[in-house]
Amino acid sequence: MSAKEVDAILDKLPKDKRVTLQKLRVTIRAAAPQAEEALSYGIPAFRYKDKPLVSYNSAKEHCAFYVMSPAVMQANKADLKEYDTDKGTIRFPVGTTLPASLVKKLVKARMAETDAAVAKKSKK
């Protein structure tokens, strides 16, 4: 999948959601420049070392950042206390942004998880 396909999905969204998600997209890309943009289950995502990294999308009443890792969410529980969260998801209001420092921290933690899993697999 290419960035053009992600662009096409974002272009279909109402402006407020598109702008919100575009800001998140830029922050993720800055945190993981070696990750590739992709679609996962039809929503914008990033892949790192050919593994799912994070994804994002909007819903009727909010936007969501899918960290895809209950372990990363738990490890950063204190930083996430003011957000509506689930196992691997952070929901936030349309028109607001998650702090770049938080997004970068979570993306870097997901990359570290992937690095550890790849290293473990290569030792077998």
PDB file of N, CA and C in Angstrom:
ATOM      1  N   MET A   1       0.845  -1.181   0.000  1.00  0.00           N
ATOM      2  CA  MET A   1       0.000   0.000   0.000  1.00  0.00           C
ATOM      3  C   MET A   1       0.883   1.234   0.000  1.00  0.00           C
ATOM      4  N   SER A   2       0.334   2.278  -0.506  1.00  0.00           N
ATOM      5  CA  SER A   2       1.130   3.495  -0.618  1.00  0.00           C
ATOM      6  C   SER A   2       0.492   4.649   0.129  1.00  0.00           C
ATOM      7  N   ALA A   3       1.286   5.685   0.283  1.00  0.00           N
ATOM      8  CA  ALA A   3       0.776   6.903   0.914  1.00  0.00           C
ATOM      9  C   ALA A   3      -0.383   7.471   0.103  1.00  0.00           C
ATOM     10  N   LYS A   4      -0.379   7.243  -1.207  1.00  0.00           N
ATOM     11  CA  LYS A   4      -1.480   7.745  -2.044  1.00  0.00           C
ATOM     12  C   LYS A   4      -2.806   7.093  -1.670  1.00  0.00           C
ATOM     13  N   GLU A   5      -2.761   5.819  -1.321  1.00  0.00           N
ATOM     14  CA  GLU A   5      -3.989   5.136  -0.903  1.00  0.00           C
ATOM     15  C   GLU A   5      -4.483   5.682   0.438  1.00  0.00           C
ATOM     16  N   VAL A   6      -3.557   5.967   1.329  1.00  0.00           N
ATOM     17  CA  VAL A   6      -3.931   6.577   2.608  1.00  0.00           C
ATOM     18  C   VAL A   6      -4.499   7.969   2.345  1.00  0.00           C
ATOM     19  N   ASP A   7      -3.855   8.731   1.469  1.00  0.00           N
ATOM     20  CA  ASP A   7      -4.373  10.055   1.099  1.00  0.00           C
ATOM     21  C   ASP A   7      -5.811   9.958   0.603  1.00  0.00           C
ATOM     22  N   ALA A   8      -6.095   8.964  -0.225  1.00  0.00           N
ATOM     23  CA  ALA A   8      -7.443   8.802  -0.787  1.00  0.00           C
ATOM     24  C   ALA A   8      -8.473   8.551   0.305  1.00  0.00           C
ATOM     25  N   ILE A   9      -8.104   7.772   1.304  1.00  0.00           N
ATOM     26  CA  ILE A   9      -9.025   7.510   2.421  1.00  0.00           C
ATOM     27  C   ILE A   9      -9.244   8.782   3.229  1.00  0.00           C
ATOM     28  N   LEU A  10      -8.175   9.472   3.550  1.00  0.00           N
ATOM     29  CA  LEU A  10      -8.294  10.697   4.346  1.00  0.00           C
ATOM     30  C   LEU A  10      -9.059  11.775   3.598  1.00  0.00           C
ATOM     31  N   ASP A  11      -8.885  11.843   2.287  1.00  0.00           N
ATOM     32  CA  ASP A  11      -9.581  12.853   1.481  1.00  0.00           C
ATOM     33  C   ASP A  11     -11.099  12.700   1.516  1.00  0.00           C
ATOM     34  N   LYS A  12     -11.573  11.512   1.813  1.00  0.00           N
ATOM     35  CA  LYS A  12     -13.022  11.254   1.866  1.00  0.00           C
ATOM     36  C   LYS A  12     -13.657  11.708   3.182  1.00  0.00           C
ATOM     37  N   LEU A  13     -12.834  12.010   4.165  1.00  0.00           N
ATOM     38  CA  LEU A  13     -13.348  12.386   5.482  1.00  0.00           C
ATOM     39  C   LEU A  13     -13.752  13.853   5.525  1.00  0.00           C
ATOM     40  N   PRO A  14     -14.663  14.205   6.438  1.00  0.00           N
ATOM     41  CA  PRO A  14     -14.953  15.621   6.662  1.00  0.00           C
ATOM     42  C   PRO A  14     -13.665  16.343   7.081  1.00  0.00           C
ATOM     43  N   LYS A  15     -13.589  17.622   6.770  1.00  0.00           N
ATOM     44  CA  LYS A  15     -12.360  18.383   6.975  1.00  0.00           C
ATOM     45  C   LYS A  15     -11.835  18.295   8.407  1.00  0.00           C
ATOM     46  N   ASP A  16     -12.703  18.418   9.414  1.00  0.00           N
ATOM     47  CA  ASP A  16     -12.211  18.408  10.797  1.00  0.00           C
ATOM     48  C   ASP A  16     -11.538  17.079  11.149  1.00  0.00           C
ATOM     49  N   LYS A  17     -12.107  15.968  10.701  1.00  0.00           N
ATOM     50  CA  LYS A  17     -11.508  14.657  10.965  1.00  0.00           C
ATOM     51  C   LYS A  17     -10.227  14.477  10.157  1.00  0.00           C
ATOM     52  N   ARG A  18     -10.267  14.912   8.903  1.00  0.00           N
ATOM     53  CA  ARG A  18      -9.097  14.786   8.036  1.00  0.00           C
ATOM     54  C   ARG A  18      -7.897  15.551   8.619  1.00  0.00           C
ATOM     55  N   VAL A  19      -8.142  16.778   9.064  1.00  0.00           N
ATOM     56  CA  VAL A  19      -7.060  17.602   9.634  1.00  0.00           C
ATOM     57  C   VAL A  19      -6.528  16.957  10.914  1.00  0.00           C
ATOM     58  N   THR A  20      -7.409  16.481  11.760  1.00  0.00           N
ATOM     59  CA  THR A  20      -7.001  15.834  13.010  1.00  0.00           C
ATOM     60  C   THR A  20      -6.130  14.616  12.729  1.00  0.00           C
ATOM     61  N   LEU A  21      -6.579  13.765  11.810  1.00  0.00           N
ATOM     62  CA  LEU A  21      -5.826  12.548  11.517  1.00  0.00           C
ATOM     63  C   LEU A  21      -4.542  12.837  10.755  1.00  0.00           C
ATOM     64  N   GLN A  22      -4.547  13.864   9.929  1.00  0.00           N
ATOM     65  CA  GLN A  22      -3.331  14.221   9.201  1.00  0.00           C
ATOM     66  C   GLN A  22      -2.228  14.652  10.177  1.00  0.00           C
ATOM     67  N   LYS A  23      -2.597  15.379  11.213  1.00  0.00           N
ATOM     68  CA  LYS A  23      -1.612  15.785  12.227  1.00  0.00           C
ATOM     69  C   LYS A  23      -1.035  14.559  12.937  1.00  0.00           C
ATOM     70  N   LEU A  24      -1.899  13.611  13.255  1.00  0.00           N
ATOM     71  CA  LEU A  24      -1.440  12.376  13.898  1.00  0.00           C
ATOM     72  C   LEU A  24      -0.519  11.607  12.950  1.00  0.00           C
ATOM     73  N   ARG A  25      -0.883  11.537  11.694  1.00  0.00           N
ATOM     74  CA  ARG A  25      -0.084  10.847  10.674  1.00  0.00           C
ATOM     75  C   ARG A  25       1.329  11.437  10.593  1.00  0.00           C
ATOM     76  N   VAL A  26       1.416  12.738  10.566  1.00  0.00           N
ATOM     77  CA  VAL A  26       2.715  13.411  10.482  1.00  0.00           C
ATOM     78  C   VAL A  26       3.561  13.108  11.716  1.00  0.00           C
ATOM     79  N   THR A  27       2.937  13.097  12.872  1.00  0.00           N
ATOM     80  CA  THR A  27       3.667  12.814  14.116  1.00  0.00           C
ATOM     81  C   THR A  27       4.174  11.376  14.125  1.00  0.00           C
ATOM     82  N   ILE A  28       3.345  10.447  13.692  1.00  0.00           N
ATOM     83  CA  ILE A  28       3.770   9.041  13.631  1.00  0.00           C
ATOM     84  C   ILE A  28       4.941   8.895  12.664  1.00  0.00           C
ATOM     85  N   ARG A  29       4.814   9.505  11.492  1.00  0.00           N
ATOM     86  CA  ARG A  29       5.874   9.417  10.488  1.00  0.00           C
ATOM     87  C   ARG A  29       7.190   9.982  11.033  1.00  0.00           C
ATOM     88  N   ALA A  30       7.121  11.069  11.790  1.00  0.00           N
ATOM     89  CA  ALA A  30       8.329  11.659  12.378  1.00  0.00           C
ATOM     90  C   ALA A  30       8.962  10.722  13.407  1.00  0.00           C
ATOM     91  N   ALA A  31       8.129  10.006  14.147  1.00  0.00           N
ATOM     92  CA  ALA A  31       8.632   9.092  15.174  1.00  0.00           C
ATOM     93  C   ALA A  31       9.207   7.814  14.570  1.00  0.00           C
ATOM     94  N   ALA A  32       8.691   7.430  13.416  1.00  0.00           N
ATOM     95  CA  ALA A  32       9.113   6.168  12.787  1.00  0.00           C
ATOM     96  C   ALA A  32       9.337   6.377  11.288  1.00  0.00           C
ATOM     97  N   PRO A  33      10.371   7.141  10.929  1.00  0.00           N
ATOM     98  CA  PRO A  33      10.579   7.443   9.512  1.00  0.00           C
ATOM     99  C   PRO A  33      10.847   6.208   8.656  1.00  0.00           C
ATOM    100  N   GLN A  34      11.318   5.125   9.257  1.00  0.00           N
ATOM    101  CA  GLN A  34      11.580   3.913   8.502  1.00  0.00           C
ATOM    102  C   GLN A  34      10.340   3.033   8.327  1.00  0.00           C
ATOM    103  N   ALA A  35       9.252   3.379   8.984  1.00  0.00           N
ATOM    104  CA  ALA A  35       8.001   2.627   8.844  1.00  0.00           C
ATOM    105  C   ALA A  35       7.338   2.980   7.516  1.00  0.00           C
ATOM    106  N   GLU A  36       6.573   2.029   7.014  1.00  0.00           N
ATOM    107  CA  GLU A  36       5.871   2.222   5.752  1.00  0.00           C
ATOM    108  C   GLU A  36       4.390   2.437   6.006  1.00  0.00           C
ATOM    109  N   GLU A  37       3.805   3.362   5.249  1.00  0.00           N
ATOM    110  CA  GLU A  37       2.363   3.553   5.350  1.00  0.00           C
ATOM    111  C   GLU A  37       1.656   2.396   4.659  1.00  0.00           C
ATOM    112  N   ALA A  38       0.529   2.025   5.210  1.00  0.00           N
ATOM    113  CA  ALA A  38      -0.221   0.893   4.693  1.00  0.00           C
ATOM    114  C   ALA A  38      -1.691   1.059   5.059  1.00  0.00           C
ATOM    115  N   LEU A  39      -2.474   0.117   4.621  1.00  0.00           N
ATOM    116  CA  LEU A  39      -3.853   0.007   5.078  1.00  0.00           C
ATOM    117  C   LEU A  39      -3.949  -1.295   5.858  1.00  0.00           C
ATOM    118  N   SER A  40      -4.638  -1.243   6.978  1.00  0.00           N
ATOM    119  CA  SER A  40      -4.866  -2.425   7.784  1.00  0.00           C
ATOM    120  C   SER A  40      -6.352  -2.469   8.106  1.00  0.00           C
ATOM    121  N   TYR A  41      -7.007  -3.514   7.648  1.00  0.00           N
ATOM    122  CA  TYR A  41      -8.454  -3.609   7.804  1.00  0.00           C
ATOM    123  C   TYR A  41      -9.151  -2.373   7.243  1.00  0.00           C
ATOM    124  N   GLY A  42      -8.588  -1.834   6.178  1.00  0.00           N
ATOM    125  CA  GLY A  42      -9.195  -0.704   5.485  1.00  0.00           C
ATOM    126  C   GLY A  42      -8.962   0.655   6.112  1.00  0.00           C
ATOM    127  N   ILE A  43      -8.105   0.721   7.137  1.00  0.00           N
ATOM    128  CA  ILE A  43      -7.827   2.014   7.771  1.00  0.00           C
ATOM    129  C   ILE A  43      -6.338   2.335   7.667  1.00  0.00           C
ATOM    130  N   PRO A  44      -5.986   3.614   7.739  1.00  0.00           N
ATOM    131  CA  PRO A  44      -4.577   4.006   7.646  1.00  0.00           C
ATOM    132  C   PRO A  44      -3.749   3.397   8.773  1.00  0.00           C
ATOM    133  N   ALA A  45      -2.564   2.922   8.388  1.00  0.00           N
ATOM    134  CA  ALA A  45      -1.695   2.257   9.351  1.00  0.00           C
ATOM    135  C   ALA A  45      -0.238   2.459   8.952  1.00  0.00           C
ATOM    136  N   PHE A  46       0.629   2.053   9.843  1.00  0.00           N
ATOM    137  CA  PHE A  46       2.063   2.022   9.571  1.00  0.00           C
ATOM    138  C   PHE A  46       2.562   0.625   9.872  1.00  0.00           C
ATOM    139  N   ARG A  47       3.511   0.159   9.055  1.00  0.00           N
ATOM    140  CA  ARG A  47       4.158  -1.130   9.255  1.00  0.00           C
ATOM    141  C   ARG A  47       5.649  -0.882   9.480  1.00  0.00           C
ATOM    142  N   TYR A  48       6.214  -1.683  10.351  1.00  0.00           N
ATOM    143  CA  TYR A  48       7.637  -1.570  10.688  1.00  0.00           C
ATOM    144  C   TYR A  48       8.231  -2.969  10.668  1.00  0.00           C
ATOM    145  N   LYS A  49       9.286  -3.151   9.904  1.00  0.00           N
ATOM    146  CA  LYS A  49       9.913  -4.456   9.742  1.00  0.00           C
ATOM    147  C   LYS A  49       8.882  -5.495   9.312  1.00  0.00           C
ATOM    148  N   ASP A  50       8.024  -5.060   8.410  1.00  0.00           N
ATOM    149  CA  ASP A  50       6.966  -5.895   7.825  1.00  0.00           C
ATOM    150  C   ASP A  50       5.948  -6.400   8.850  1.00  0.00           C
ATOM    151  N   LYS A  51       5.829  -5.689   9.967  1.00  0.00           N
ATOM    152  CA  LYS A  51       4.863  -6.023  11.021  1.00  0.00           C
ATOM    153  C   LYS A  51       3.985  -4.805  11.276  1.00  0.00           C
ATOM    154  N   PRO A  52       2.734  -5.019  11.698  1.00  0.00           N
ATOM    155  CA  PRO A  52       1.879  -3.876  12.044  1.00  0.00           C
ATOM    156  C   PRO A  52       2.508  -3.069  13.175  1.00  0.00           C
ATOM    157  N   LEU A  53       2.485  -1.767  13.052  1.00  0.00           N
ATOM    158  CA  LEU A  53       3.049  -0.894  14.085  1.00  0.00           C
ATOM    159  C   LEU A  53       1.929  -0.182  14.819  1.00  0.00           C
ATOM    160  N   VAL A  54       1.274   0.762  14.181  1.00  0.00           N
ATOM    161  CA  VAL A  54       0.133   1.494  14.743  1.00  0.00           C
ATOM    162  C   VAL A  54      -0.810   1.845  13.599  1.00  0.00           C
ATOM    163  N   SER A  55      -2.028   2.222  13.960  1.00  0.00           N
ATOM    164  CA  SER A  55      -2.973   2.700  12.959  1.00  0.00           C
ATOM    165  C   SER A  55      -3.840   3.789  13.575  1.00  0.00           C
ATOM    166  N   TYR A  56      -4.694   4.387  12.758  1.00  0.00           N
ATOM    167  CA  TYR A  56      -5.528   5.485  13.221  1.00  0.00           C
ATOM    168  C   TYR A  56      -6.758   5.583  12.344  1.00  0.00           C
ATOM    169  N   ASN A  57      -7.804   6.192  12.885  1.00  0.00           N
ATOM    170  CA  ASN A  57      -9.052   6.320  12.134  1.00  0.00           C
ATOM    171  C   ASN A  57      -9.973   7.283  12.877  1.00  0.00           C
ATOM    172  N   SER A  58     -11.104   7.534  12.277  1.00  0.00           N
ATOM    173  CA  SER A  58     -12.118   8.356  12.941  1.00  0.00           C
ATOM    174  C   SER A  58     -13.413   7.571  13.033  1.00  0.00           C
ATOM    175  N   ALA A  59     -14.224   7.964  13.980  1.00  0.00           N
ATOM    176  CA  ALA A  59     -15.560   7.400  14.159  1.00  0.00           C
ATOM    177  C   ALA A  59     -16.534   8.576  14.185  1.00  0.00           C
ATOM    178  N   LYS A  60     -17.766   8.292  14.464  1.00  0.00           N
ATOM    179  CA  LYS A  60     -18.782   9.347  14.440  1.00  0.00           C
ATOM    180  C   LYS A  60     -18.465  10.490  15.391  1.00  0.00           C
ATOM    181  N   GLU A  61     -18.046  10.165  16.599  1.00  0.00           N
ATOM    182  CA  GLU A  61     -17.872  11.177  17.637  1.00  0.00           C
ATOM    183  C   GLU A  61     -16.426  11.427  18.065  1.00  0.00           C
ATOM    184  N   HIS A  62     -15.476  10.675  17.498  1.00  0.00           N
ATOM    185  CA  HIS A  62     -14.097  10.812  17.959  1.00  0.00           C
ATOM    186  C   HIS A  62     -13.111  10.341  16.894  1.00  0.00           C
ATOM    187  N   CYS A  63     -11.841  10.526  17.194  1.00  0.00           N
ATOM    188  CA  CYS A  63     -10.756   9.941  16.411  1.00  0.00           C
ATOM    189  C   CYS A  63     -10.080   8.914  17.311  1.00  0.00           C
ATOM    190  N   ALA A  64      -9.343   8.006  16.693  1.00  0.00           N
ATOM    191  CA  ALA A  64      -8.698   6.968  17.482  1.00  0.00           C
ATOM    192  C   ALA A  64      -7.285   6.706  16.990  1.00  0.00           C
ATOM    193  N   PHE A  65      -6.418   6.441  17.937  1.00  0.00           N
ATOM    194  CA  PHE A  65      -5.042   6.040  17.683  1.00  0.00           C
ATOM    195  C   PHE A  65      -4.923   4.624  18.214  1.00  0.00           C
ATOM    196  N   TYR A  66      -4.651   3.686  17.322  1.00  0.00           N
ATOM    197  CA  TYR A  66      -4.576   2.281  17.686  1.00  0.00           C
ATOM    198  C   TYR A  66      -3.111   1.905  17.911  1.00  0.00           C
ATOM    199  N   VAL A  67      -2.749   1.779  19.159  1.00  0.00           N
ATOM    200  CA  VAL A  67      -1.386   1.431  19.547  1.00  0.00           C
ATOM    201  C   VAL A  67      -1.142  -0.065  19.318  1.00  0.00           C
ATOM    202  N   MET A  68      -2.206  -0.834  19.330  1.00  0.00           N
ATOM    203  CA  MET A  68      -2.175  -2.270  19.032  1.00  0.00           C
ATOM    204  C   MET A  68      -1.350  -3.090  20.012  1.00  0.00           C
ATOM    205  N   SER A  69      -1.202  -2.606  21.231  1.00  0.00           N
ATOM    206  CA  SER A  69      -0.419  -3.344  22.213  1.00  0.00           C
ATOM    207  C   SER A  69      -0.922  -3.058  23.621  1.00  0.00           C
ATOM    208  N   PRO A  70      -1.612  -4.024  24.216  1.00  0.00           N
ATOM    209  CA  PRO A  70      -2.010  -3.834  25.617  1.00  0.00           C
ATOM    210  C   PRO A  70      -0.813  -3.614  26.542  1.00  0.00           C
ATOM    211  N   ALA A  71       0.322  -4.242  26.236  1.00  0.00           N
ATOM    212  CA  ALA A  71       1.512  -4.077  27.080  1.00  0.00           C
ATOM    213  C   ALA A  71       2.033  -2.640  27.040  1.00  0.00           C
ATOM    214  N   VAL A  72       2.060  -2.039  25.866  1.00  0.00           N
ATOM    215  CA  VAL A  72       2.508  -0.650  25.750  1.00  0.00           C
ATOM    216  C   VAL A  72       1.512   0.271  26.438  1.00  0.00           C
ATOM    217  N   MET A  73       0.244  -0.004  26.282  1.00  0.00           N
ATOM    218  CA  MET A  73      -0.783   0.814  26.944  1.00  0.00           C
ATOM    219  C   MET A  73      -0.614   0.738  28.458  1.00  0.00           C
ATOM    220  N   GLN A  74      -0.410  -0.463  28.972  1.00  0.00           N
ATOM    221  CA  GLN A  74      -0.247  -0.649  30.421  1.00  0.00           C
ATOM    222  C   GLN A  74       1.021   0.043  30.924  1.00  0.00           C
ATOM    223  N   ALA A  75       2.102  -0.074  30.175  1.00  0.00           N
ATOM    224  CA  ALA A  75       3.373   0.532  30.586  1.00  0.00           C
ATOM    225  C   ALA A  75       3.300   2.059  30.616  1.00  0.00           C
ATOM    226  N   ASN A  76       2.363   2.619  29.853  1.00  0.00           N
ATOM    227  CA  ASN A  76       2.219   4.081  29.770  1.00  0.00           C
ATOM    228  C   ASN A  76       0.899   4.553  30.371  1.00  0.00           C
ATOM    229  N   LYS A  77       0.359   3.747  31.256  1.00  0.00           N
ATOM    230  CA  LYS A  77      -0.945   4.012  31.868  1.00  0.00           C
ATOM    231  C   LYS A  77      -1.031   5.403  32.498  1.00  0.00           C
ATOM    232  N   ALA A  78       0.012   5.823  33.179  1.00  0.00           N
ATOM    233  CA  ALA A  78      -0.002   7.138  33.840  1.00  0.00           C
ATOM    234  C   ALA A  78      -0.130   8.270  32.821  1.00  0.00           C
ATOM    235  N   ASP A  79       0.526   8.127  31.682  1.00  0.00           N
ATOM    236  CA  ASP A  79       0.454   9.156  30.637  1.00  0.00           C
ATOM    237  C   ASP A  79      -0.889   9.169  29.920  1.00  0.00           C
ATOM    238  N   LEU A  80      -1.644   8.089  30.048  1.00  0.00           N
ATOM    239  CA  LEU A  80      -2.903   7.939  29.318  1.00  0.00           C
ATOM    240  C   LEU A  80      -4.142   8.162  30.173  1.00  0.00           C
ATOM    241  N   LYS A  81      -3.937   8.492  31.452  1.00  0.00           N
ATOM    242  CA  LYS A  81      -5.067   8.552  32.385  1.00  0.00           C
ATOM    243  C   LYS A  81      -6.148   9.560  32.003  1.00  0.00           C
ATOM    244  N   GLU A  82      -5.800  10.607  31.272  1.00  0.00           N
ATOM    245  CA  GLU A  82      -6.808  11.613  30.910  1.00  0.00           C
ATOM    246  C   GLU A  82      -7.536  11.294  29.599  1.00  0.00           C
ATOM    247  N   TYR A  83      -7.200  10.153  28.994  1.00  0.00           N
ATOM    248  CA  TYR A  83      -7.811   9.781  27.715  1.00  0.00           C
ATOM    249  C   TYR A  83      -8.757   8.609  27.875  1.00  0.00           C
ATOM    250  N   ASP A  84      -9.668   8.493  26.937  1.00  0.00           N
ATOM    251  CA  ASP A  84     -10.575   7.356  26.848  1.00  0.00           C
ATOM    252  C   ASP A  84      -9.789   6.242  26.155  1.00  0.00           C
ATOM    253  N   THR A  85      -9.467   5.195  26.902  1.00  0.00           N
ATOM    254  CA  THR A  85      -8.630   4.132  26.355  1.00  0.00           C
ATOM    255  C   THR A  85      -9.297   2.771  26.474  1.00  0.00           C
ATOM    256  N   ASP A  86      -8.779   1.854  25.705  1.00  0.00           N
ATOM    257  CA  ASP A  86      -9.152   0.457  25.762  1.00  0.00           C
ATOM    258  C   ASP A  86      -7.853  -0.329  25.646  1.00  0.00           C
ATOM    259  N   LYS A  87      -7.897  -1.613  25.469  1.00  0.00           N
ATOM    260  CA  LYS A  87      -6.697  -2.453  25.458  1.00  0.00           C
ATOM    261  C   LYS A  87      -5.546  -1.883  24.633  1.00  0.00           C
ATOM    262  N   GLY A  88      -5.823  -1.480  23.421  1.00  0.00           N
ATOM    263  CA  GLY A  88      -4.760  -0.978  22.557  1.00  0.00           C
ATOM    264  C   GLY A  88      -5.152   0.282  21.820  1.00  0.00           C
ATOM    265  N   THR A  89      -6.129   1.013  22.353  1.00  0.00           N
ATOM    266  CA  THR A  89      -6.721   2.152  21.645  1.00  0.00           C
ATOM    267  C   THR A  89      -6.799   3.383  22.526  1.00  0.00           C
ATOM    268  N   ILE A  90      -6.544   4.526  21.907  1.00  0.00           N
ATOM    269  CA  ILE A  90      -6.755   5.818  22.570  1.00  0.00           C
ATOM    270  C   ILE A  90      -7.770   6.577  21.714  1.00  0.00           C
ATOM    271  N   ARG A  91      -8.871   6.984  22.325  1.00  0.00           N
ATOM    272  CA  ARG A  91      -9.882   7.785  21.638  1.00  0.00           C
ATOM    273  C   ARG A  91      -9.754   9.228  22.109  1.00  0.00           C
ATOM    274  N   PHE A  92      -9.904  10.159  21.164  1.00  0.00           N
ATOM    275  CA  PHE A  92      -9.787  11.573  21.512  1.00  0.00           C
ATOM    276  C   PHE A  92     -10.719  12.382  20.620  1.00  0.00           C
ATOM    277  N   PRO A  93     -11.132  13.553  21.085  1.00  0.00           N
ATOM    278  CA  PRO A  93     -12.112  14.353  20.345  1.00  0.00           C
ATOM    279  C   PRO A  93     -11.579  14.840  18.994  1.00  0.00           C
ATOM    280  N   VAL A  94     -12.471  14.856  18.024  1.00  0.00           N
ATOM    281  CA  VAL A  94     -12.155  15.436  16.720  1.00  0.00           C
ATOM    282  C   VAL A  94     -11.787  16.901  16.945  1.00  0.00           C
ATOM    283  N   GLY A  95     -10.775  17.376  16.246  1.00  0.00           N
ATOM    284  CA  GLY A  95     -10.360  18.770  16.381  1.00  0.00           C
ATOM    285  C   GLY A  95      -9.292  18.993  17.432  1.00  0.00           C
ATOM    286  N   THR A  96      -8.967  17.945  18.180  1.00  0.00           N
ATOM    287  CA  THR A  96      -7.876  18.049  19.144  1.00  0.00           C
ATOM    288  C   THR A  96      -6.751  17.136  18.656  1.00  0.00           C
ATOM    289  N   THR A  97      -5.602  17.274  19.237  1.00  0.00           N
ATOM    290  CA  THR A  97      -4.506  16.380  18.882  1.00  0.00           C
ATOM    291  C   THR A  97      -3.928  15.766  20.138  1.00  0.00           C
ATOM    292  N   LEU A  98      -3.418  14.580  19.981  1.00  0.00           N
ATOM    293  CA  LEU A  98      -2.675  13.977  21.081  1.00  0.00           C
ATOM    294  C   LEU A  98      -1.316  14.671  21.126  1.00  0.00           C
ATOM    295  N   PRO A  99      -0.746  14.846  22.296  1.00  0.00           N
ATOM    296  CA  PRO A  99       0.574  15.479  22.362  1.00  0.00           C
ATOM    297  C   PRO A  99       1.596  14.687  21.535  1.00  0.00           C
ATOM    298  N   ALA A 100       2.368  15.399  20.748  1.00  0.00           N
ATOM    299  CA  ALA A 100       3.375  14.745  19.903  1.00  0.00           C
ATOM    300  C   ALA A 100       4.324  13.901  20.736  1.00  0.00           C
ATOM    301  N   SER A 101       4.693  14.389  21.908  1.00  0.00           N
ATOM    302  CA  SER A 101       5.625  13.639  22.761  1.00  0.00           C
ATOM    303  C   SER A 101       5.022  12.295  23.182  1.00  0.00           C
ATOM    304  N   LEU A 102       3.715  12.257  23.439  1.00  0.00           N
ATOM    305  CA  LEU A 102       3.048  11.015  23.817  1.00  0.00           C
ATOM    306  C   LEU A 102       2.995  10.058  22.628  1.00  0.00           C
ATOM    307  N   VAL A 103       2.605  10.564  21.478  1.00  0.00           N
ATOM    308  CA  VAL A 103       2.533   9.716  20.283  1.00  0.00           C
ATOM    309  C   VAL A 103       3.911   9.131  19.981  1.00  0.00           C
ATOM    310  N   LYS A 104       4.931   9.960  20.020  1.00  0.00           N
ATOM    311  CA  LYS A 104       6.288   9.485  19.739  1.00  0.00           C
ATOM    312  C   LYS A 104       6.720   8.422  20.747  1.00  0.00           C
ATOM    313  N   LYS A 105       6.407   8.643  22.006  1.00  0.00           N
ATOM    314  CA  LYS A 105       6.766   7.675  23.051  1.00  0.00           C
ATOM    315  C   LYS A 105       6.104   6.322  22.790  1.00  0.00           C
ATOM    316  N   LEU A 106       4.834   6.346  22.438  1.00  0.00           N
ATOM    317  CA  LEU A 106       4.101   5.108  22.184  1.00  0.00           C
ATOM    318  C   LEU A 106       4.592   4.418  20.915  1.00  0.00           C
ATOM    319  N   VAL A 107       4.864   5.177  19.875  1.00  0.00           N
ATOM    320  CA  VAL A 107       5.369   4.599  18.630  1.00  0.00           C
ATOM    321  C   VAL A 107       6.741   3.974  18.864  1.00  0.00           C
ATOM    322  N   LYS A 108       7.610   4.668  19.583  1.00  0.00           N
ATOM    323  CA  LYS A 108       8.942   4.129  19.874  1.00  0.00           C
ATOM    324  C   LYS A 108       8.845   2.844  20.709  1.00  0.00           C
ATOM    325  N   ALA A 109       7.898   2.801  21.628  1.00  0.00           N
ATOM    326  CA  ALA A 109       7.696   1.592  22.437  1.00  0.00           C
ATOM    327  C   ALA A 109       7.225   0.435  21.561  1.00  0.00           C
ATOM    328  N   ARG A 110       6.344   0.719  20.615  1.00  0.00           N
ATOM    329  CA  ARG A 110       5.887  -0.327  19.684  1.00  0.00           C
ATOM    330  C   ARG A 110       7.037  -0.800  18.802  1.00  0.00           C
ATOM    331  N   MET A 111       7.891   0.119  18.380  1.00  0.00           N
ATOM    332  CA  MET A 111       9.039  -0.274  17.572  1.00  0.00           C
ATOM    333  C   MET A 111       9.972  -1.173  18.384  1.00  0.00           C
ATOM    334  N   ALA A 112      10.180  -0.847  19.646  1.00  0.00           N
ATOM    335  CA  ALA A 112      11.025  -1.666  20.515  1.00  0.00           C
ATOM    336  C   ALA A 112      10.431  -3.067  20.681  1.00  0.00           C
ATOM    337  N   GLU A 113       9.110  -3.159  20.814  1.00  0.00           N
ATOM    338  CA  GLU A 113       8.446  -4.467  20.881  1.00  0.00           C
ATOM    339  C   GLU A 113       8.722  -5.275  19.621  1.00  0.00           C
ATOM    340  N   THR A 114       8.580  -4.617  18.484  1.00  0.00           N
ATOM    341  CA  THR A 114       8.808  -5.295  17.206  1.00  0.00           C
ATOM    342  C   THR A 114      10.260  -5.733  17.085  1.00  0.00           C
ATOM    343  N   ASP A 115      11.179  -4.853  17.441  1.00  0.00           N
ATOM    344  CA  ASP A 115      12.602  -5.200  17.385  1.00  0.00           C
ATOM    345  C   ASP A 115      12.897  -6.432  18.244  1.00  0.00           C
ATOM    346  N   ALA A 116      12.322  -6.468  19.445  1.00  0.00           N
ATOM    347  CA  ALA A 116      12.549  -7.601  20.349  1.00  0.00           C
ATOM    348  C   ALA A 116      11.960  -8.887  19.782  1.00  0.00           C
ATOM    349  N   ALA A 117      10.782  -8.795  19.189  1.00  0.00           N
ATOM    350  CA  ALA A 117      10.144  -9.988  18.610  1.00  0.00           C
ATOM    351  C   ALA A 117      10.936 -10.499  17.409  1.00  0.00           C
ATOM    352  N   VAL A 118      11.416  -9.590  16.582  1.00  0.00           N
ATOM    353  CA  VAL A 118      12.209  -9.989  15.417  1.00  0.00           C
ATOM    354  C   VAL A 118      13.530 -10.616  15.862  1.00  0.00           C
ATOM    355  N   ALA A 119      14.174 -10.024  16.863  1.00  0.00           N
ATOM    356  CA  ALA A 119      15.431 -10.564  17.376  1.00  0.00           C
ATOM    357  C   ALA A 119      15.228 -11.951  17.977  1.00  0.00           C
ATOM    358  N   LYS A 120      14.143 -12.115  18.718  1.00  0.00           N
ATOM    359  CA  LYS A 120      13.835 -13.407  19.344  1.00  0.00           C
ATOM    360  C   LYS A 120      13.602 -14.475  18.280  1.00  0.00           C
ATOM    361  N   LYS A 121      12.868 -14.090  17.241  1.00  0.00           N
ATOM    362  CA  LYS A 121      12.559 -15.029  16.162  1.00  0.00           C
ATOM    363  C   LYS A 121      13.821 -15.429  15.416  1.00  0.00           C
ATOM    364  N   SER A 122      14.746 -14.506  15.227  1.00  0.00           N
ATOM    365  CA  SER A 122      15.964 -14.800  14.477  1.00  0.00           C
ATOM    366  C   SER A 122      16.928 -15.695  15.269  1.00  0.00           C
ATOM    367  N   LYS A 123      16.765 -15.746  16.592  1.00  0.00           N
ATOM    368  CA  LYS A 123      17.617 -16.594  17.437  1.00  0.00           C
ATOM    369  C   LYS A 123      17.198 -18.062  17.374  1.00  0.00           C
ATOM    370  N   LYS A 124      15.968 -18.310  16.929  1.00  0.00           N
ATOM    371  CA  LYS A 124      15.470 -19.692  16.879  1.00  0.00           C
ATOM    372  C   LYS A 124      16.095 -20.468  15.765  1.00  0.00           C
TER     373      LYS A 124
END
